[in-house]
Amino acid sequence: MIDRYHFNDEKPRADTSVLEEGFRFLSQNIGEKLAYIQSEQLVKVLAAVYRSIQRRTIGGTSYLQFVSQFTGIGPAM
C-alpha cells in the first residue's frame, strides 16, 4: 500500500490471492472513506502502522491481534 500511494504503483506485487484481495479491500476502503486525505499523509500513517506491527508482533498471526486491538475489526484472540 505504501508503494501505491508513495510511488503511484497501481499494480500490487502479491504472492497470493489473499494478499491481492487485501490490497483490493484496502484500496477500495481508502478510496471511499479516506479520499479527502492527501497521499503524503496516508503514506505516513501506513508507514507508522507497518513499523508498529513490526515492533509489537512475534510472528505468525499475532499482528492480527495488534490490528484488532486498535480497529475493533478482526479475530478476538
PDB file of N, CA and C in Angstrom:
ATOM      1  N   MET A   1       0.822  -1.188   0.000  1.00  0.00           N
ATOM      2  CA  MET A   1       0.000   0.000   0.000  1.00  0.00           C
ATOM      3  C   MET A   1       0.869   1.256   0.000  1.00  0.00           C
ATOM      4  N   ILE A   2       1.994   1.190   0.664  1.00  0.00           N
ATOM      5  CA  ILE A   2       2.889   2.355   0.669  1.00  0.00           C
ATOM      6  C   ILE A   2       3.376   2.622  -0.747  1.00  0.00           C
ATOM      7  N   ASP A   3       3.737   1.580  -1.475  1.00  0.00           N
ATOM      8  CA  ASP A   3       4.168   1.759  -2.871  1.00  0.00           C
ATOM      9  C   ASP A   3       3.062   2.382  -3.706  1.00  0.00           C
ATOM     10  N   ARG A   4       1.848   1.990  -3.446  1.00  0.00           N
ATOM     11  CA  ARG A   4       0.714   2.520  -4.210  1.00  0.00           C
ATOM     12  C   ARG A   4       0.583   4.022  -4.020  1.00  0.00           C
ATOM     13  N   TYR A   5       0.653   4.477  -2.796  1.00  0.00           N
ATOM     14  CA  TYR A   5       0.404   5.886  -2.524  1.00  0.00           C
ATOM     15  C   TYR A   5       1.660   6.759  -2.558  1.00  0.00           C
ATOM     16  N   HIS A   6       2.825   6.179  -2.383  1.00  0.00           N
ATOM     17  CA  HIS A   6       4.058   6.973  -2.432  1.00  0.00           C
ATOM     18  C   HIS A   6       4.646   7.011  -3.839  1.00  0.00           C
ATOM     19  N   PHE A   7       4.654   5.849  -4.506  1.00  0.00           N
ATOM     20  CA  PHE A   7       5.258   5.754  -5.833  1.00  0.00           C
ATOM     21  C   PHE A   7       4.224   5.648  -6.957  1.00  0.00           C
ATOM     22  N   ASN A   8       2.936   5.766  -6.614  1.00  0.00           N
ATOM     23  CA  ASN A   8       1.846   5.627  -7.586  1.00  0.00           C
ATOM     24  C   ASN A   8       1.896   4.292  -8.328  1.00  0.00           C
ATOM     25  N   ASP A   9       2.246   3.243  -7.615  1.00  0.00           N
ATOM     26  CA  ASP A   9       2.322   1.894  -8.175  1.00  0.00           C
ATOM     27  C   ASP A   9       0.926   1.275  -8.123  1.00  0.00           C
ATOM     28  N   GLU A  10       0.250   1.212  -9.252  1.00  0.00           N
ATOM     29  CA  GLU A  10      -1.128   0.718  -9.296  1.00  0.00           C
ATOM     30  C   GLU A  10      -1.227  -0.794  -9.173  1.00  0.00           C
ATOM     31  N   LYS A  11      -0.222  -1.520  -9.584  1.00  0.00           N
ATOM     32  CA  LYS A  11      -0.269  -2.983  -9.598  1.00  0.00           C
ATOM     33  C   LYS A  11       0.423  -3.532  -8.355  1.00  0.00           C
ATOM     34  N   PRO A  12      -0.320  -4.221  -7.493  1.00  0.00           N
ATOM     35  CA  PRO A  12       0.310  -4.786  -6.293  1.00  0.00           C
ATOM     36  C   PRO A  12       1.217  -5.963  -6.656  1.00  0.00           C
ATOM     37  N   ARG A  13       2.241  -6.142  -5.855  1.00  0.00           N
ATOM     38  CA  ARG A  13       3.097  -7.322  -6.005  1.00  0.00           C
ATOM     39  C   ARG A  13       2.723  -8.286  -4.892  1.00  0.00           C
ATOM     40  N   ALA A  14       1.768  -9.133  -5.186  1.00  0.00           N
ATOM     41  CA  ALA A  14       1.261 -10.057  -4.176  1.00  0.00           C
ATOM     42  C   ALA A  14       1.603 -11.488  -4.581  1.00  0.00           C
ATOM     43  N   ASP A  15       2.045 -12.256  -3.606  1.00  0.00           N
ATOM     44  CA  ASP A  15       2.408 -13.650  -3.849  1.00  0.00           C
ATOM     45  C   ASP A  15       1.197 -14.578  -3.840  1.00  0.00           C
ATOM     46  N   THR A  16       0.121 -14.130  -3.211  1.00  0.00           N
ATOM     47  CA  THR A  16      -1.052 -14.989  -3.072  1.00  0.00           C
ATOM     48  C   THR A  16      -2.320 -14.211  -3.395  1.00  0.00           C
ATOM     49  N   SER A  17      -3.372 -14.949  -3.643  1.00  0.00           N
ATOM     50  CA  SER A  17      -4.661 -14.311  -3.905  1.00  0.00           C
ATOM     51  C   SER A  17      -5.187 -13.612  -2.654  1.00  0.00           C
ATOM     52  N   VAL A  18      -4.811 -14.104  -1.491  1.00  0.00           N
ATOM     53  CA  VAL A  18      -5.232 -13.468  -0.239  1.00  0.00           C
ATOM     54  C   VAL A  18      -4.642 -12.060  -0.146  1.00  0.00           C
ATOM     55  N   LEU A  19      -3.369 -11.918  -0.474  1.00  0.00           N
ATOM     56  CA  LEU A  19      -2.740 -10.596  -0.452  1.00  0.00           C
ATOM     57  C   LEU A  19      -3.352  -9.676  -1.498  1.00  0.00           C
ATOM     58  N   GLU A  20      -3.654 -10.214  -2.668  1.00  0.00           N
ATOM     59  CA  GLU A  20      -4.306  -9.416  -3.707  1.00  0.00           C
ATOM     60  C   GLU A  20      -5.667  -8.920  -3.240  1.00  0.00           C
ATOM     61  N   GLU A  21      -6.413  -9.784  -2.572  1.00  0.00           N
ATOM     62  CA  GLU A  21      -7.724  -9.398  -2.062  1.00  0.00           C
ATOM     63  C   GLU A  21      -7.587  -8.343  -0.965  1.00  0.00           C
ATOM     64  N   GLY A  22      -6.584  -8.482  -0.109  1.00  0.00           N
ATOM     65  CA  GLY A  22      -6.331  -7.477   0.920  1.00  0.00           C
ATOM     66  C   GLY A  22      -6.000  -6.123   0.313  1.00  0.00           C
ATOM     67  N   PHE A  23      -5.190  -6.126  -0.734  1.00  0.00           N
ATOM     68  CA  PHE A  23      -4.838  -4.891  -1.431  1.00  0.00           C
ATOM     69  C   PHE A  23      -6.102  -4.253  -2.012  1.00  0.00           C
ATOM     70  N   ARG A  24      -6.936  -5.070  -2.642  1.00  0.00           N
ATOM     71  CA  ARG A  24      -8.168  -4.567  -3.237  1.00  0.00           C
ATOM     72  C   ARG A  24      -9.094  -3.982  -2.158  1.00  0.00           C
ATOM     73  N   PHE A  25      -9.225  -4.704  -1.048  1.00  0.00           N
ATOM     74  CA  PHE A  25     -10.085  -4.264   0.052  1.00  0.00           C
ATOM     75  C   PHE A  25      -9.609  -2.925   0.621  1.00  0.00           C
ATOM     76  N   LEU A  26      -8.317  -2.827   0.920  1.00  0.00           N
ATOM     77  CA  LEU A  26      -7.783  -1.576   1.469  1.00  0.00           C
ATOM     78  C   LEU A  26      -7.918  -0.433   0.477  1.00  0.00           C
ATOM     79  N   SER A  27      -7.605  -0.693  -0.784  1.00  0.00           N
ATOM     80  CA  SER A  27      -7.705   0.349  -1.809  1.00  0.00           C
ATOM     81  C   SER A  27      -9.127   0.868  -1.928  1.00  0.00           C
ATOM     82  N   GLN A  28     -10.079  -0.040  -1.932  1.00  0.00           N
ATOM     83  CA  GLN A  28     -11.485   0.344  -2.040  1.00  0.00           C
ATOM     84  C   GLN A  28     -11.911   1.182  -0.842  1.00  0.00           C
ATOM     85  N   ASN A  29     -11.565   0.739   0.348  1.00  0.00           N
ATOM     86  CA  ASN A  29     -11.977   1.460   1.555  1.00  0.00           C
ATOM     87  C   ASN A  29     -11.280   2.805   1.693  1.00  0.00           C
ATOM     88  N   ILE A  30     -10.016   2.859   1.336  1.00  0.00           N
ATOM     89  CA  ILE A  30      -9.317   4.145   1.376  1.00  0.00           C
ATOM     90  C   ILE A  30      -9.957   5.098   0.379  1.00  0.00           C
ATOM     91  N   GLY A  31     -10.279   4.598  -0.813  1.00  0.00           N
ATOM     92  CA  GLY A  31     -10.914   5.434  -1.815  1.00  0.00           C
ATOM     93  C   GLY A  31     -12.278   5.937  -1.400  1.00  0.00           C
ATOM     94  N   GLU A  32     -13.021   5.123  -0.682  1.00  0.00           N
ATOM     95  CA  GLU A  32     -14.373   5.504  -0.261  1.00  0.00           C
ATOM     96  C   GLU A  32     -14.385   6.368   0.995  1.00  0.00           C
ATOM     97  N   LYS A  33     -13.538   6.031   1.949  1.00  0.00           N
ATOM     98  CA  LYS A  33     -13.646   6.664   3.266  1.00  0.00           C
ATOM     99  C   LYS A  33     -12.552   7.682   3.572  1.00  0.00           C
ATOM    100  N   LEU A  34     -11.440   7.602   2.857  1.00  0.00           N
ATOM    101  CA  LEU A  34     -10.316   8.493   3.161  1.00  0.00           C
ATOM    102  C   LEU A  34      -9.849   9.272   1.936  1.00  0.00           C
ATOM    103  N   ALA A  35     -10.734   9.455   0.974  1.00  0.00           N
ATOM    104  CA  ALA A  35     -10.364  10.133  -0.273  1.00  0.00           C
ATOM    105  C   ALA A  35      -9.912  11.575  -0.038  1.00  0.00           C
ATOM    106  N   TYR A  36     -10.347  12.167   1.034  1.00  0.00           N
ATOM    107  CA  TYR A  36     -10.011  13.562   1.328  1.00  0.00           C
ATOM    108  C   TYR A  36      -8.602  13.728   1.915  1.00  0.00           C
ATOM    109  N   ILE A  37      -7.961  12.639   2.281  1.00  0.00           N
ATOM    110  CA  ILE A  37      -6.620  12.711   2.882  1.00  0.00           C
ATOM    111  C   ILE A  37      -5.565  12.714   1.781  1.00  0.00           C
ATOM    112  N   GLN A  38      -4.605  13.608   1.897  1.00  0.00           N
ATOM    113  CA  GLN A  38      -3.532  13.697   0.902  1.00  0.00           C
ATOM    114  C   GLN A  38      -2.668  12.445   0.951  1.00  0.00           C
ATOM    115  N   SER A  39      -2.133  12.064  -0.206  1.00  0.00           N
ATOM    116  CA  SER A  39      -1.313  10.856  -0.313  1.00  0.00           C
ATOM    117  C   SER A  39      -0.136  10.874   0.651  1.00  0.00           C
ATOM    118  N   GLU A  40       0.494  12.033   0.842  1.00  0.00           N
ATOM    119  CA  GLU A  40       1.651  12.121   1.733  1.00  0.00           C
ATOM    120  C   GLU A  40       1.267  11.759   3.164  1.00  0.00           C
ATOM    121  N   GLN A  41       0.109  12.220   3.605  1.00  0.00           N
ATOM    122  CA  GLN A  41      -0.354  11.899   4.950  1.00  0.00           C
ATOM    123  C   GLN A  41      -0.715  10.425   5.077  1.00  0.00           C
ATOM    124  N   LEU A  42      -1.334   9.888   4.055  1.00  0.00           N
ATOM    125  CA  LEU A  42      -1.701   8.484   4.056  1.00  0.00           C
ATOM    126  C   LEU A  42      -0.465   7.592   4.121  1.00  0.00           C
ATOM    127  N   VAL A  43       0.572   7.951   3.393  1.00  0.00           N
ATOM    128  CA  VAL A  43       1.830   7.192   3.419  1.00  0.00           C
ATOM    129  C   VAL A  43       2.433   7.215   4.820  1.00  0.00           C
ATOM    130  N   LYS A  44       2.389   8.349   5.484  1.00  0.00           N
ATOM    131  CA  LYS A  44       2.921   8.448   6.849  1.00  0.00           C
ATOM    132  C   LYS A  44       2.159   7.536   7.801  1.00  0.00           C
ATOM    133  N   VAL A  45       0.844   7.501   7.671  1.00  0.00           N
ATOM    134  CA  VAL A  45       0.033   6.638   8.534  1.00  0.00           C
ATOM    135  C   VAL A  45       0.317   5.174   8.238  1.00  0.00           C
ATOM    136  N   LEU A  46       0.360   4.804   6.967  1.00  0.00           N
ATOM    137  CA  LEU A  46       0.651   3.418   6.595  1.00  0.00           C
ATOM    138  C   LEU A  46       2.028   2.990   7.105  1.00  0.00           C
ATOM    139  N   ALA A  47       3.007   3.871   6.986  1.00  0.00           N
ATOM    140  CA  ALA A  47       4.360   3.553   7.453  1.00  0.00           C
ATOM    141  C   ALA A  47       4.388   3.394   8.972  1.00  0.00           C
ATOM    142  N   ALA A  48       3.664   4.247   9.681  1.00  0.00           N
ATOM    143  CA  ALA A  48       3.616   4.139  11.144  1.00  0.00           C
ATOM    144  C   ALA A  48       2.954   2.837  11.572  1.00  0.00           C
ATOM    145  N   VAL A  49       1.877   2.456  10.906  1.00  0.00           N
ATOM    146  CA  VAL A  49       1.206   1.193  11.230  1.00  0.00           C
ATOM    147  C   VAL A  49       2.137   0.025  10.941  1.00  0.00           C
ATOM    148  N   TYR A  50       2.810   0.069   9.810  1.00  0.00           N
ATOM    149  CA  TYR A  50       3.743  -1.003   9.447  1.00  0.00           C
ATOM    150  C   TYR A  50       4.855  -1.148  10.491  1.00  0.00           C
ATOM    151  N   ARG A  51       5.443  -0.025  10.883  1.00  0.00           N
ATOM    152  CA  ARG A  51       6.518  -0.071  11.891  1.00  0.00           C
ATOM    153  C   ARG A  51       5.995  -0.587  13.226  1.00  0.00           C
ATOM    154  N   SER A  52       4.810  -0.177  13.611  1.00  0.00           N
ATOM    155  CA  SER A  52       4.228  -0.642  14.874  1.00  0.00           C
ATOM    156  C   SER A  52       3.987  -2.136  14.857  1.00  0.00           C
ATOM    157  N   ILE A  53       3.471  -2.627  13.755  1.00  0.00           N
ATOM    158  CA  ILE A  53       3.240  -4.072  13.636  1.00  0.00           C
ATOM    159  C   ILE A  53       4.559  -4.815  13.715  1.00  0.00           C
ATOM    160  N   GLN A  54       5.584  -4.322  13.043  1.00  0.00           N
ATOM    161  CA  GLN A  54       6.891  -4.982  13.064  1.00  0.00           C
ATOM    162  C   GLN A  54       7.478  -5.022  14.475  1.00  0.00           C
ATOM    163  N   ARG A  55       7.306  -3.955  15.239  1.00  0.00           N
ATOM    164  CA  ARG A  55       7.879  -3.879  16.590  1.00  0.00           C
ATOM    165  C   ARG A  55       7.112  -4.691  17.617  1.00  0.00           C
ATOM    166  N   ARG A  56       5.812  -4.804  17.445  1.00  0.00           N
ATOM    167  CA  ARG A  56       4.977  -5.356  18.505  1.00  0.00           C
ATOM    168  C   ARG A  56       4.446  -6.757  18.253  1.00  0.00           C
ATOM    169  N   THR A  57       4.885  -7.394  17.223  1.00  0.00           N
ATOM    170  CA  THR A  57       4.390  -8.740  16.962  1.00  0.00           C
ATOM    171  C   THR A  57       5.528  -9.741  17.034  1.00  0.00           C
ATOM    172  N   ILE A  58       5.168 -10.971  17.313  1.00  0.00           N
ATOM    173  CA  ILE A  58       6.184 -12.009  17.499  1.00  0.00           C
ATOM    174  C   ILE A  58       6.147 -13.055  16.387  1.00  0.00           C
ATOM    175  N   GLY A  59       5.497 -12.727  15.299  1.00  0.00           N
ATOM    176  CA  GLY A  59       5.421 -13.658  14.182  1.00  0.00           C
ATOM    177  C   GLY A  59       4.078 -14.330  14.099  1.00  0.00           C
ATOM    178  N   GLY A  60       3.925 -15.152  13.096  1.00  0.00           N
ATOM    179  CA  GLY A  60       2.658 -15.843  12.907  1.00  0.00           C
ATOM    180  C   GLY A  60       1.538 -14.860  12.645  1.00  0.00           C
ATOM    181  N   THR A  61       0.440 -15.051  13.324  1.00  0.00           N
ATOM    182  CA  THR A  61      -0.705 -14.174  13.137  1.00  0.00           C
ATOM    183  C   THR A  61      -0.892 -13.188  14.287  1.00  0.00           C
ATOM    184  N   SER A  62       0.124 -13.000  15.107  1.00  0.00           N
ATOM    185  CA  SER A  62      -0.017 -12.091  16.238  1.00  0.00           C
ATOM    186  C   SER A  62      -0.291 -10.657  15.793  1.00  0.00           C
ATOM    187  N   TYR A  63       0.093 -10.314  14.566  1.00  0.00           N
ATOM    188  CA  TYR A  63      -0.186  -8.972  14.069  1.00  0.00           C
ATOM    189  C   TYR A  63      -1.695  -8.728  13.965  1.00  0.00           C
ATOM    190  N   LEU A  64      -2.478  -9.783  13.746  1.00  0.00           N
ATOM    191  CA  LEU A  64      -3.925  -9.626  13.668  1.00  0.00           C
ATOM    192  C   LEU A  64      -4.500  -9.154  14.998  1.00  0.00           C
ATOM    193  N   GLN A  65      -3.964  -9.666  16.084  1.00  0.00           N
ATOM    194  CA  GLN A  65      -4.403  -9.227  17.412  1.00  0.00           C
ATOM    195  C   GLN A  65      -4.055  -7.758  17.618  1.00  0.00           C
ATOM    196  N   PHE A  66      -2.862  -7.360  17.201  1.00  0.00           N
ATOM    197  CA  PHE A  66      -2.431  -5.965  17.329  1.00  0.00           C
ATOM    198  C   PHE A  66      -3.361  -5.040  16.548  1.00  0.00           C
ATOM    199  N   VAL A  67      -3.637  -5.370  15.303  1.00  0.00           N
ATOM    200  CA  VAL A  67      -4.509  -4.541  14.465  1.00  0.00           C
ATOM    201  C   VAL A  67      -5.924  -4.535  15.034  1.00  0.00           C
ATOM    202  N   SER A  68      -6.411  -5.676  15.456  1.00  0.00           N
ATOM    203  CA  SER A  68      -7.759  -5.785  16.008  1.00  0.00           C
ATOM    204  C   SER A  68      -7.923  -4.935  17.262  1.00  0.00           C
ATOM    205  N   GLN A  69      -6.888  -4.853  18.058  1.00  0.00           N
ATOM    206  CA  GLN A  69      -6.927  -4.064  19.290  1.00  0.00           C
ATOM    207  C   GLN A  69      -7.250  -2.600  19.007  1.00  0.00           C
ATOM    208  N   PHE A  70      -6.751  -2.083  17.905  1.00  0.00           N
ATOM    209  CA  PHE A  70      -6.927  -0.665  17.608  1.00  0.00           C
ATOM    210  C   PHE A  70      -8.059  -0.367  16.638  1.00  0.00           C
ATOM    211  N   THR A  71      -8.522  -1.382  15.920  1.00  0.00           N
ATOM    212  CA  THR A  71      -9.580  -1.138  14.940  1.00  0.00           C
ATOM    213  C   THR A  71     -10.920  -1.719  15.363  1.00  0.00           C
ATOM    214  N   GLY A  72     -10.871  -2.711  16.235  1.00  0.00           N
ATOM    215  CA  GLY A  72     -12.103  -3.406  16.596  1.00  0.00           C
ATOM    216  C   GLY A  72     -12.563  -4.377  15.534  1.00  0.00           C
ATOM    217  N   ILE A  73     -11.727  -4.576  14.530  1.00  0.00           N
ATOM    218  CA  ILE A  73     -12.043  -5.477  13.424  1.00  0.00           C
ATOM    219  C   ILE A  73     -11.080  -6.650  13.472  1.00  0.00           C
ATOM    220  N   GLY A  74     -11.595  -7.825  13.274  1.00  0.00           N
ATOM    221  CA  GLY A  74     -10.720  -8.983  13.213  1.00  0.00           C
ATOM    222  C   GLY A  74     -11.005  -9.959  14.338  1.00  0.00           C
ATOM    223  N   PRO A  75     -10.190 -10.994  14.389  1.00  0.00           N
ATOM    224  CA  PRO A  75     -10.419 -12.046  15.372  1.00  0.00           C
ATOM    225  C   PRO A  75     -10.110 -11.583  16.785  1.00  0.00           C
ATOM    226  N   ALA A  76     -10.900 -12.035  17.696  1.00  0.00           N
ATOM    227  CA  ALA A  76     -10.624 -11.776  19.113  1.00  0.00           C
ATOM    228  C   ALA A  76      -9.706 -12.881  19.594  1.00  0.00           C
ATOM    229  N   MET A  77      -8.506 -12.524  19.982  1.00  0.00           N
ATOM    230  CA  MET A  77      -7.510 -13.528  20.390  1.00  0.00           C
ATOM    231  C   MET A  77      -7.254 -13.420  21.864  1.00  0.00           C
TER     232      MET A  77
END
